[in-house]
Amino acid sequence: MGMGHGYIGNKDDHLKRLRRIEGQIRGLQRMVEQEEYCIDILTQVSAATKALQSVALGLLDEHLTHCVVRAAAAGGEDADRKVREASEAIARLVRS
């Protein structure tokens, strides 16, 4: 078994935040079911989106400081792959 992913040390925090976001999404579903005002729904969509982006940035930071740094220290193809993965993840976040 490997040394674990970079986020393992904060796994409980990530799960807590994701459960909170899950609750936000359920709230959005209720708002639509109850036919609430569209701007109020959009405001809550924005809040949920920001919360997800915050989780993503935290995971990315942990990936860079743990997985990429470890691979870079070892060098070789794995280092190149980890850097490429991180770059692609950053590009996806920027586009979202």
PDB file of N, CA and C in Angstrom:
ATOM      1  N   MET A   1       0.845  -1.195   0.000  1.00  0.00           N
ATOM      2  CA  MET A   1       0.000   0.000   0.000  1.00  0.00           C
ATOM      3  C   MET A   1       0.877   1.241   0.000  1.00  0.00           C
ATOM      4  N   GLY A   2       0.465   2.308  -0.683  1.00  0.00           N
ATOM      5  CA  GLY A   2       1.253   3.529  -0.810  1.00  0.00           C
ATOM      6  C   GLY A   2       1.247   4.359   0.457  1.00  0.00           C
ATOM      7  N   MET A   3       1.805   5.552   0.345  1.00  0.00           N
ATOM      8  CA  MET A   3       1.909   6.436   1.497  1.00  0.00           C
ATOM      9  C   MET A   3       0.631   7.224   1.736  1.00  0.00           C
ATOM     10  N   GLY A   4      -0.376   7.039   0.929  1.00  0.00           N
ATOM     11  CA  GLY A   4      -1.625   7.764   1.114  1.00  0.00           C
ATOM     12  C   GLY A   4      -1.661   9.032   0.283  1.00  0.00           C
ATOM     13  N   HIS A   5      -2.852   9.505   0.098  1.00  0.00           N
ATOM     14  CA  HIS A   5      -3.054  10.725  -0.677  1.00  0.00           C
ATOM     15  C   HIS A   5      -2.810  11.941   0.208  1.00  0.00           C
ATOM     16  N   GLY A   6      -2.514  13.069  -0.423  1.00  0.00           N
ATOM     17  CA  GLY A   6      -2.181  14.280   0.304  1.00  0.00           C
ATOM     18  C   GLY A   6      -3.279  14.801   1.207  1.00  0.00           C
ATOM     19  N   TYR A   7      -4.523  14.482   0.909  1.00  0.00           N
ATOM     20  CA  TYR A   7      -5.641  15.017   1.691  1.00  0.00           C
ATOM     21  C   TYR A   7      -5.978  14.188   2.926  1.00  0.00           C
ATOM     22  N   ILE A   8      -5.339  13.025   3.090  1.00  0.00           N
ATOM     23  CA  ILE A   8      -5.714  12.096   4.161  1.00  0.00           C
ATOM     24  C   ILE A   8      -5.690  12.769   5.534  1.00  0.00           C
ATOM     25  N   GLY A   9      -4.717  13.638   5.770  1.00  0.00           N
ATOM     26  CA  GLY A   9      -4.634  14.308   7.061  1.00  0.00           C
ATOM     27  C   GLY A   9      -5.820  15.204   7.349  1.00  0.00           C
ATOM     28  N   ASN A  10      -6.510  15.649   6.303  1.00  0.00           N
ATOM     29  CA  ASN A  10      -7.678  16.522   6.457  1.00  0.00           C
ATOM     30  C   ASN A  10      -8.963  15.856   5.980  1.00  0.00           C
ATOM     31  N   LYS A  11      -8.945  14.545   5.895  1.00  0.00           N
ATOM     32  CA  LYS A  11     -10.083  13.807   5.350  1.00  0.00           C
ATOM     33  C   LYS A  11     -11.388  14.151   6.065  1.00  0.00           C
ATOM     34  N   ASP A  12     -11.375  14.166   7.392  1.00  0.00           N
ATOM     35  CA  ASP A  12     -12.606  14.449   8.135  1.00  0.00           C
ATOM     36  C   ASP A  12     -13.124  15.852   7.845  1.00  0.00           C
ATOM     37  N   ASP A  13     -12.210  16.824   7.740  1.00  0.00           N
ATOM     38  CA  ASP A  13     -12.622  18.189   7.409  1.00  0.00           C
ATOM     39  C   ASP A  13     -13.258  18.251   6.022  1.00  0.00           C
ATOM     40  N   HIS A  14     -12.634  17.558   5.064  1.00  0.00           N
ATOM     41  CA  HIS A  14     -13.192  17.543   3.706  1.00  0.00           C
ATOM     42  C   HIS A  14     -14.579  16.904   3.698  1.00  0.00           C
ATOM     43  N   LEU A  15     -14.718  15.784   4.414  1.00  0.00           N
ATOM     44  CA  LEU A  15     -16.020  15.114   4.459  1.00  0.00           C
ATOM     45  C   LEU A  15     -17.079  15.997   5.102  1.00  0.00           C
ATOM     46  N   LYS A  16     -16.710  16.714   6.154  1.00  0.00           N
ATOM     47  CA  LYS A  16     -17.647  17.617   6.825  1.00  0.00           C
ATOM     48  C   LYS A  16     -18.111  18.713   5.866  1.00  0.00           C
ATOM     49  N   ARG A  17     -17.158  19.281   5.124  1.00  0.00           N
ATOM     50  CA  ARG A  17     -17.500  20.343   4.179  1.00  0.00           C
ATOM     51  C   ARG A  17     -18.373  19.807   3.053  1.00  0.00           C
ATOM     52  N   LEU A  18     -18.050  18.603   2.563  1.00  0.00           N
ATOM     53  CA  LEU A  18     -18.845  18.012   1.484  1.00  0.00           C
ATOM     54  C   LEU A  18     -20.259  17.682   1.953  1.00  0.00           C
ATOM     55  N   ARG A  19     -20.397  17.249   3.201  1.00  0.00           N
ATOM     56  CA  ARG A  19     -21.745  16.984   3.729  1.00  0.00           C
ATOM     57  C   ARG A  19     -22.542  18.280   3.848  1.00  0.00           C
ATOM     58  N   ARG A  20     -21.867  19.354   4.219  1.00  0.00           N
ATOM     59  CA  ARG A  20     -22.532  20.657   4.298  1.00  0.00           C
ATOM     60  C   ARG A  20     -22.992  21.081   2.901  1.00  0.00           C
ATOM     61  N   ILE A  21     -22.140  20.865   1.897  1.00  0.00           N
ATOM     62  CA  ILE A  21     -22.507  21.197   0.508  1.00  0.00           C
ATOM     63  C   ILE A  21     -23.671  20.332   0.053  1.00  0.00           C
ATOM     64  N   GLU A  22     -23.656  19.060   0.442  1.00  0.00           N
ATOM     65  CA  GLU A  22     -24.765  18.170   0.105  1.00  0.00           C
ATOM     66  C   GLU A  22     -26.079  18.723   0.663  1.00  0.00           C
ATOM     67  N   GLY A  23     -26.028  19.256   1.872  1.00  0.00           N
ATOM     68  CA  GLY A  23     -27.207  19.884   2.461  1.00  0.00           C
ATOM     69  C   GLY A  23     -27.638  21.112   1.673  1.00  0.00           C
ATOM     70  N   GLN A  24     -26.651  21.892   1.200  1.00  0.00           N
ATOM     71  CA  GLN A  24     -26.979  23.060   0.375  1.00  0.00           C
ATOM     72  C   GLN A  24     -27.700  22.631  -0.899  1.00  0.00           C
ATOM     73  N   ILE A  25     -27.232  21.553  -1.496  1.00  0.00           N
ATOM     74  CA  ILE A  25     -27.848  21.069  -2.745  1.00  0.00           C
ATOM     75  C   ILE A  25     -29.272  20.597  -2.477  1.00  0.00           C
ATOM     76  N   ARG A  26     -29.470  19.906  -1.366  1.00  0.00           N
ATOM     77  CA  ARG A  26     -30.837  19.494  -1.019  1.00  0.00           C
ATOM     78  C   ARG A  26     -31.730  20.724  -0.820  1.00  0.00           C
ATOM     79  N   GLY A  27     -31.161  21.753  -0.210  1.00  0.00           N
ATOM     80  CA  GLY A  27     -31.907  23.001  -0.035  1.00  0.00           C
ATOM     81  C   GLY A  27     -32.287  23.619  -1.363  1.00  0.00           C
ATOM     82  N   LEU A  28     -31.386  23.542  -2.321  1.00  0.00           N
ATOM     83  CA  LEU A  28     -31.688  24.047  -3.669  1.00  0.00           C
ATOM     84  C   LEU A  28     -32.847  23.274  -4.294  1.00  0.00           C
ATOM     85  N   GLN A  29     -32.832  21.953  -4.121  1.00  0.00           N
ATOM     86  CA  GLN A  29     -33.919  21.147  -4.655  1.00  0.00           C
ATOM     87  C   GLN A  29     -35.250  21.558  -4.037  1.00  0.00           C
ATOM     88  N   ARG A  30     -35.259  21.786  -2.720  1.00  0.00           N
ATOM     89  CA  ARG A  30     -36.483  22.226  -2.045  1.00  0.00           C
ATOM     90  C   ARG A  30     -36.943  23.584  -2.567  1.00  0.00           C
ATOM     91  N   MET A  31     -35.978  24.477  -2.785  1.00  0.00           N
ATOM     92  CA  MET A  31     -36.328  25.814  -3.293  1.00  0.00           C
ATOM     93  C   MET A  31     -37.026  25.714  -4.648  1.00  0.00           C
ATOM     94  N   VAL A  32     -36.524  24.839  -5.524  1.00  0.00           N
ATOM     95  CA  VAL A  32     -37.152  24.669  -6.842  1.00  0.00           C
ATOM     96  C   VAL A  32     -38.522  24.009  -6.676  1.00  0.00           C
ATOM     97  N   GLU A  33     -38.592  22.972  -5.821  1.00  0.00           N
ATOM     98  CA  GLU A  33     -39.881  22.309  -5.594  1.00  0.00           C
ATOM     99  C   GLU A  33     -40.924  23.286  -5.080  1.00  0.00           C
ATOM    100  N   GLN A  34     -40.493  24.222  -4.244  1.00  0.00           N
ATOM    101  CA  GLN A  34     -41.419  25.195  -3.653  1.00  0.00           C
ATOM    102  C   GLN A  34     -41.579  26.444  -4.515  1.00  0.00           C
ATOM    103  N   GLU A  35     -40.962  26.391  -5.700  1.00  0.00           N
ATOM    104  CA  GLU A  35     -41.083  27.464  -6.690  1.00  0.00           C
ATOM    105  C   GLU A  35     -40.694  28.828  -6.126  1.00  0.00           C
ATOM    106  N   GLU A  36     -39.562  28.854  -5.437  1.00  0.00           N
ATOM    107  CA  GLU A  36     -39.070  30.109  -4.877  1.00  0.00           C
ATOM    108  C   GLU A  36     -38.513  31.000  -5.984  1.00  0.00           C
ATOM    109  N   TYR A  37     -38.293  32.249  -5.639  1.00  0.00           N
ATOM    110  CA  TYR A  37     -37.832  33.269  -6.584  1.00  0.00           C
ATOM    111  C   TYR A  37     -36.485  32.874  -7.189  1.00  0.00           C
ATOM    112  N   CYS A  38     -36.378  32.987  -8.512  1.00  0.00           N
ATOM    113  CA  CYS A  38     -35.203  32.503  -9.238  1.00  0.00           C
ATOM    114  C   CYS A  38     -33.904  33.158  -8.756  1.00  0.00           C
ATOM    115  N   ILE A  39     -33.921  34.438  -8.425  1.00  0.00           N
ATOM    116  CA  ILE A  39     -32.706  35.102  -7.977  1.00  0.00           C
ATOM    117  C   ILE A  39     -32.242  34.529  -6.635  1.00  0.00           C
ATOM    118  N   ASP A  40     -33.178  34.188  -5.768  1.00  0.00           N
ATOM    119  CA  ASP A  40     -32.811  33.565  -4.494  1.00  0.00           C
ATOM    120  C   ASP A  40     -32.165  32.196  -4.725  1.00  0.00           C
ATOM    121  N   ILE A  41     -32.686  31.446  -5.677  1.00  0.00           N
ATOM    122  CA  ILE A  41     -32.109  30.146  -6.015  1.00  0.00           C
ATOM    123  C   ILE A  41     -30.711  30.336  -6.589  1.00  0.00           C
ATOM    124  N   LEU A  42     -30.564  31.290  -7.496  1.00  0.00           N
ATOM    125  CA  LEU A  42     -29.249  31.551  -8.091  1.00  0.00           C
ATOM    126  C   LEU A  42     -28.226  31.973  -7.037  1.00  0.00           C
ATOM    127  N   THR A  43     -28.654  32.723  -6.053  1.00  0.00           N
ATOM    128  CA  THR A  43     -27.762  33.131  -4.969  1.00  0.00           C
ATOM    129  C   THR A  43     -27.251  31.901  -4.218  1.00  0.00           C
ATOM    130  N   GLN A  44     -28.141  30.954  -3.979  1.00  0.00           N
ATOM    131  CA  GLN A  44     -27.740  29.731  -3.278  1.00  0.00           C
ATOM    132  C   GLN A  44     -26.873  28.826  -4.162  1.00  0.00           C
ATOM    133  N   VAL A  45     -27.140  28.810  -5.468  1.00  0.00           N
ATOM    134  CA  VAL A  45     -26.280  28.068  -6.400  1.00  0.00           C
ATOM    135  C   VAL A  45     -24.870  28.636  -6.350  1.00  0.00           C
ATOM    136  N   SER A  46     -24.766  29.941  -6.329  1.00  0.00           N
ATOM    137  CA  SER A  46     -23.461  30.598  -6.255  1.00  0.00           C
ATOM    138  C   SER A  46     -22.722  30.217  -4.970  1.00  0.00           C
ATOM    139  N   ALA A  47     -23.442  30.194  -3.861  1.00  0.00           N
ATOM    140  CA  ALA A  47     -22.827  29.820  -2.582  1.00  0.00           C
ATOM    141  C   ALA A  47     -22.330  28.380  -2.614  1.00  0.00           C
ATOM    142  N   ALA A  48     -23.118  27.471  -3.175  1.00  0.00           N
ATOM    143  CA  ALA A  48     -22.713  26.066  -3.265  1.00  0.00           C
ATOM    144  C   ALA A  48     -21.513  25.906  -4.197  1.00  0.00           C
ATOM    145  N   THR A  49     -21.516  26.662  -5.288  1.00  0.00           N
ATOM    146  CA  THR A  49     -20.403  26.620  -6.231  1.00  0.00           C
ATOM    147  C   THR A  49     -19.115  27.089  -5.563  1.00  0.00           C
ATOM    148  N   LYS A  50     -19.193  28.181  -4.809  1.00  0.00           N
ATOM    149  CA  LYS A  50     -18.017  28.690  -4.102  1.00  0.00           C
ATOM    150  C   LYS A  50     -17.523  27.679  -3.073  1.00  0.00           C
ATOM    151  N   ALA A  51     -18.449  27.013  -2.397  1.00  0.00           N
ATOM    152  CA  ALA A  51     -18.063  26.009  -1.409  1.00  0.00           C
ATOM    153  C   ALA A  51     -17.336  24.838  -2.076  1.00  0.00           C
ATOM    154  N   LEU A  52     -17.835  24.390  -3.223  1.00  0.00           N
ATOM    155  CA  LEU A  52     -17.166  23.313  -3.958  1.00  0.00           C
ATOM    156  C   LEU A  52     -15.792  23.757  -4.454  1.00  0.00           C
ATOM    157  N   GLN A  53     -15.703  24.993  -4.935  1.00  0.00           N
ATOM    158  CA  GLN A  53     -14.408  25.500  -5.389  1.00  0.00           C
ATOM    159  C   GLN A  53     -13.413  25.556  -4.244  1.00  0.00           C
ATOM    160  N   SER A  54     -13.875  25.893  -3.063  1.00  0.00           N
ATOM    161  CA  SER A  54     -13.007  25.938  -1.892  1.00  0.00           C
ATOM    162  C   SER A  54     -12.468  24.548  -1.559  1.00  0.00           C
ATOM    163  N   VAL A  55     -13.328  23.544  -1.631  1.00  0.00           N
ATOM    164  CA  VAL A  55     -12.883  22.165  -1.407  1.00  0.00           C
ATOM    165  C   VAL A  55     -11.864  21.778  -2.478  1.00  0.00           C
ATOM    166  N   ALA A  56     -12.155  22.125  -3.719  1.00  0.00           N
ATOM    167  CA  ALA A  56     -11.247  21.786  -4.818  1.00  0.00           C
ATOM    168  C   ALA A  56      -9.881  22.434  -4.627  1.00  0.00           C
ATOM    169  N   LEU A  57      -9.860  23.695  -4.234  1.00  0.00           N
ATOM    170  CA  LEU A  57      -8.583  24.385  -4.022  1.00  0.00           C
ATOM    171  C   LEU A  57      -7.800  23.768  -2.875  1.00  0.00           C
ATOM    172  N   GLY A  58      -8.494  23.369  -1.832  1.00  0.00           N
ATOM    173  CA  GLY A  58      -7.822  22.697  -0.720  1.00  0.00           C
ATOM    174  C   GLY A  58      -7.204  21.377  -1.153  1.00  0.00           C
ATOM    175  N   LEU A  59      -7.962  20.597  -1.918  1.00  0.00           N
ATOM    176  CA  LEU A  59      -7.436  19.320  -2.420  1.00  0.00           C
ATOM    177  C   LEU A  59      -6.259  19.546  -3.357  1.00  0.00           C
ATOM    178  N   LEU A  60      -6.361  20.559  -4.195  1.00  0.00           N
ATOM    179  CA  LEU A  60      -5.268  20.864  -5.113  1.00  0.00           C
ATOM    180  C   LEU A  60      -4.011  21.254  -4.349  1.00  0.00           C
ATOM    181  N   ASP A  61      -4.165  22.098  -3.341  1.00  0.00           N
ATOM    182  CA  ASP A  61      -3.029  22.502  -2.531  1.00  0.00           C
ATOM    183  C   ASP A  61      -2.371  21.289  -1.872  1.00  0.00           C
ATOM    184  N   GLU A  62      -3.189  20.406  -1.327  1.00  0.00           N
ATOM    185  CA  GLU A  62      -2.650  19.206  -0.691  1.00  0.00           C
ATOM    186  C   GLU A  62      -1.977  18.301  -1.711  1.00  0.00           C
ATOM    187  N   HIS A  63      -2.539  18.222  -2.908  1.00  0.00           N
ATOM    188  CA  HIS A  63      -1.921  17.408  -3.960  1.00  0.00           C
ATOM    189  C   HIS A  63      -0.551  17.970  -4.326  1.00  0.00           C
ATOM    190  N   LEU A  64      -0.484  19.292  -4.473  1.00  0.00           N
ATOM    191  CA  LEU A  64       0.795  19.912  -4.836  1.00  0.00           C
ATOM    192  C   LEU A  64       1.840  19.735  -3.735  1.00  0.00           C
ATOM    193  N   THR A  65       1.446  19.989  -2.496  1.00  0.00           N
ATOM    194  CA  THR A  65       2.419  19.958  -1.408  1.00  0.00           C
ATOM    195  C   THR A  65       2.782  18.550  -0.973  1.00  0.00           C
ATOM    196  N   HIS A  66       1.996  17.571  -1.334  1.00  0.00           N
ATOM    197  CA  HIS A  66       2.284  16.191  -0.917  1.00  0.00           C
ATOM    198  C   HIS A  66       2.690  15.333  -2.114  1.00  0.00           C
ATOM    199  N   CYS A  67       1.754  15.080  -2.997  1.00  0.00           N
ATOM    200  CA  CYS A  67       1.965  14.144  -4.105  1.00  0.00           C
ATOM    201  C   CYS A  67       2.994  14.658  -5.110  1.00  0.00           C
ATOM    202  N   VAL A  68       2.847  15.912  -5.536  1.00  0.00           N
ATOM    203  CA  VAL A  68       3.747  16.449  -6.556  1.00  0.00           C
ATOM    204  C   VAL A  68       5.151  16.640  -5.989  1.00  0.00           C
ATOM    205  N   VAL A  69       5.240  17.182  -4.785  1.00  0.00           N
ATOM    206  CA  VAL A  69       6.562  17.392  -4.182  1.00  0.00           C
ATOM    207  C   VAL A  69       7.275  16.063  -3.995  1.00  0.00           C
ATOM    208  N   ARG A  70       6.568  15.048  -3.514  1.00  0.00           N
ATOM    209  CA  ARG A  70       7.176  13.728  -3.316  1.00  0.00           C
ATOM    210  C   ARG A  70       7.646  13.135  -4.647  1.00  0.00           C
ATOM    211  N   ALA A  71       6.815  13.249  -5.676  1.00  0.00           N
ATOM    212  CA  ALA A  71       7.185  12.715  -6.991  1.00  0.00           C
ATOM    213  C   ALA A  71       8.350  13.495  -7.584  1.00  0.00           C
ATOM    214  N   ALA A  72       8.348  14.812  -7.402  1.00  0.00           N
ATOM    215  CA  ALA A  72       9.439  15.636  -7.938  1.00  0.00           C
ATOM    216  C   ALA A  72      10.761  15.266  -7.276  1.00  0.00           C
ATOM    217  N   ALA A  73      10.721  14.973  -5.985  1.00  0.00           N
ATOM    218  CA  ALA A  73      11.943  14.582  -5.276  1.00  0.00           C
ATOM    219  C   ALA A  73      12.478  13.261  -5.815  1.00  0.00           C
ATOM    220  N   ALA A  74      11.567  12.368  -6.203  1.00  0.00           N
ATOM    221  CA  ALA A  74      11.982  11.074  -6.758  1.00  0.00           C
ATOM    222  C   ALA A  74      12.422  11.203  -8.210  1.00  0.00           C
ATOM    223  N   GLY A  75      11.847  12.200  -8.923  1.00  0.00           N
ATOM    224  CA  GLY A  75      12.203  12.421 -10.321  1.00  0.00           C
ATOM    225  C   GLY A  75      11.585  11.393 -11.254  1.00  0.00           C
ATOM    226  N   GLY A  76      11.959  11.475 -12.497  1.00  0.00           N
ATOM    227  CA  GLY A  76      11.525  10.500 -13.502  1.00  0.00           C
ATOM    228  C   GLY A  76      10.147  10.773 -14.062  1.00  0.00           C
ATOM    229  N   GLU A  77       9.596   9.725 -14.690  1.00  0.00           N
ATOM    230  CA  GLU A  77       8.316   9.840 -15.379  1.00  0.00           C
ATOM    231  C   GLU A  77       7.166  10.143 -14.431  1.00  0.00           C
ATOM    232  N   ASP A  78       7.215   9.586 -13.213  1.00  0.00           N
ATOM    233  CA  ASP A  78       6.142   9.839 -12.253  1.00  0.00           C
ATOM    234  C   ASP A  78       6.067  11.325 -11.921  1.00  0.00           C
ATOM    235  N   ALA A  79       7.211  11.969 -11.785  1.00  0.00           N
ATOM    236  CA  ALA A  79       7.231  13.410 -11.495  1.00  0.00           C
ATOM    237  C   ALA A  79       6.589  14.178 -12.647  1.00  0.00           C
ATOM    238  N   ASP A  80       6.959  13.845 -13.860  1.00  0.00           N
ATOM    239  CA  ASP A  80       6.378  14.511 -15.030  1.00  0.00           C
ATOM    240  C   ASP A  80       4.864  14.314 -15.068  1.00  0.00           C
ATOM    241  N   ARG A  81       4.430  13.093 -14.776  1.00  0.00           N
ATOM    242  CA  ARG A  81       2.994  12.788 -14.804  1.00  0.00           C
ATOM    243  C   ARG A  81       2.246  13.571 -13.729  1.00  0.00           C
ATOM    244  N   LYS A  82       2.804  13.629 -12.522  1.00  0.00           N
ATOM    245  CA  LYS A  82       2.143  14.355 -11.425  1.00  0.00           C
ATOM    246  C   LYS A  82       2.026  15.849 -11.734  1.00  0.00           C
ATOM    247  N   VAL A  83       3.070  16.427 -12.299  1.00  0.00           N
ATOM    248  CA  VAL A  83       3.024  17.848 -12.660  1.00  0.00           C
ATOM    249  C   VAL A  83       1.986  18.074 -13.751  1.00  0.00           C
ATOM    250  N   ARG A  84       1.947  17.180 -14.738  1.00  0.00           N
ATOM    251  CA  ARG A  84       0.974  17.302 -15.829  1.00  0.00           C
ATOM    252  C   ARG A  84      -0.457  17.171 -15.276  1.00  0.00           C
ATOM    253  N   GLU A  85      -0.684  16.211 -14.379  1.00  0.00           N
ATOM    254  CA  GLU A  85      -2.001  16.051 -13.764  1.00  0.00           C
ATOM    255  C   GLU A  85      -2.416  17.326 -13.020  1.00  0.00           C
ATOM    256  N   ALA A  86      -1.478  17.894 -12.264  1.00  0.00           N
ATOM    257  CA  ALA A  86      -1.776  19.116 -11.510  1.00  0.00           C
ATOM    258  C   ALA A  86      -2.105  20.262 -12.456  1.00  0.00           C
ATOM    259  N   SER A  87      -1.344  20.389 -13.521  1.00  0.00           N
ATOM    260  CA  SER A  87      -1.604  21.454 -14.499  1.00  0.00           C
ATOM    261  C   SER A  87      -2.975  21.293 -15.132  1.00  0.00           C
ATOM    262  N   GLU A  88      -3.337  20.066 -15.462  1.00  0.00           N
ATOM    263  CA  GLU A  88      -4.649  19.814 -16.062  1.00  0.00           C
ATOM    264  C   GLU A  88      -5.774  20.103 -15.066  1.00  0.00           C
ATOM    265  N   ALA A  89      -5.557  19.744 -13.801  1.00  0.00           N
ATOM    266  CA  ALA A  89      -6.558  20.030 -12.775  1.00  0.00           C
ATOM    267  C   ALA A  89      -6.739  21.530 -12.600  1.00  0.00           C
ATOM    268  N   ILE A  90      -5.640  22.266 -12.600  1.00  0.00           N
ATOM    269  CA  ILE A  90      -5.717  23.730 -12.484  1.00  0.00           C
ATOM    270  C   ILE A  90      -6.477  24.307 -13.670  1.00  0.00           C
ATOM    271  N   ALA A  91      -6.187  23.813 -14.854  1.00  0.00           N
ATOM    272  CA  ALA A  91      -6.893  24.289 -16.054  1.00  0.00           C
ATOM    273  C   ALA A  91      -8.390  24.032 -15.944  1.00  0.00           C
ATOM    274  N   ARG A  92      -8.795  22.856 -15.429  1.00  0.00           N
ATOM    275  CA  ARG A  92     -10.229  22.565 -15.261  1.00  0.00           C
ATOM    276  C   ARG A  92     -10.860  23.510 -14.250  1.00  0.00           C
ATOM    277  N   LEU A  93     -10.153  23.794 -13.173  1.00  0.00           N
ATOM    278  CA  LEU A  93     -10.693  24.711 -12.163  1.00  0.00           C
ATOM    279  C   LEU A  93     -10.850  26.119 -12.721  1.00  0.00           C
ATOM    280  N   VAL A  94      -9.896  26.549 -13.506  1.00  0.00           N
ATOM    281  CA  VAL A  94      -9.953  27.892 -14.074  1.00  0.00           C
ATOM    282  C   VAL A  94     -11.122  28.008 -15.051  1.00  0.00           C
ATOM    283  N   ARG A  95     -11.396  26.942 -15.794  1.00  0.00           N
ATOM    284  CA  ARG A  95     -12.495  26.963 -16.760  1.00  0.00           C
ATOM    285  C   ARG A  95     -13.860  26.857 -16.094  1.00  0.00           C
ATOM    286  N   SER A  96     -13.916  26.344 -14.869  1.00  0.00           N
ATOM    287  CA  SER A  96     -15.223  26.111 -14.227  1.00  0.00           C
ATOM    288  C   SER A  96     -15.782  27.366 -13.600  1.00  0.00           C
TER     289      SER A  96
END
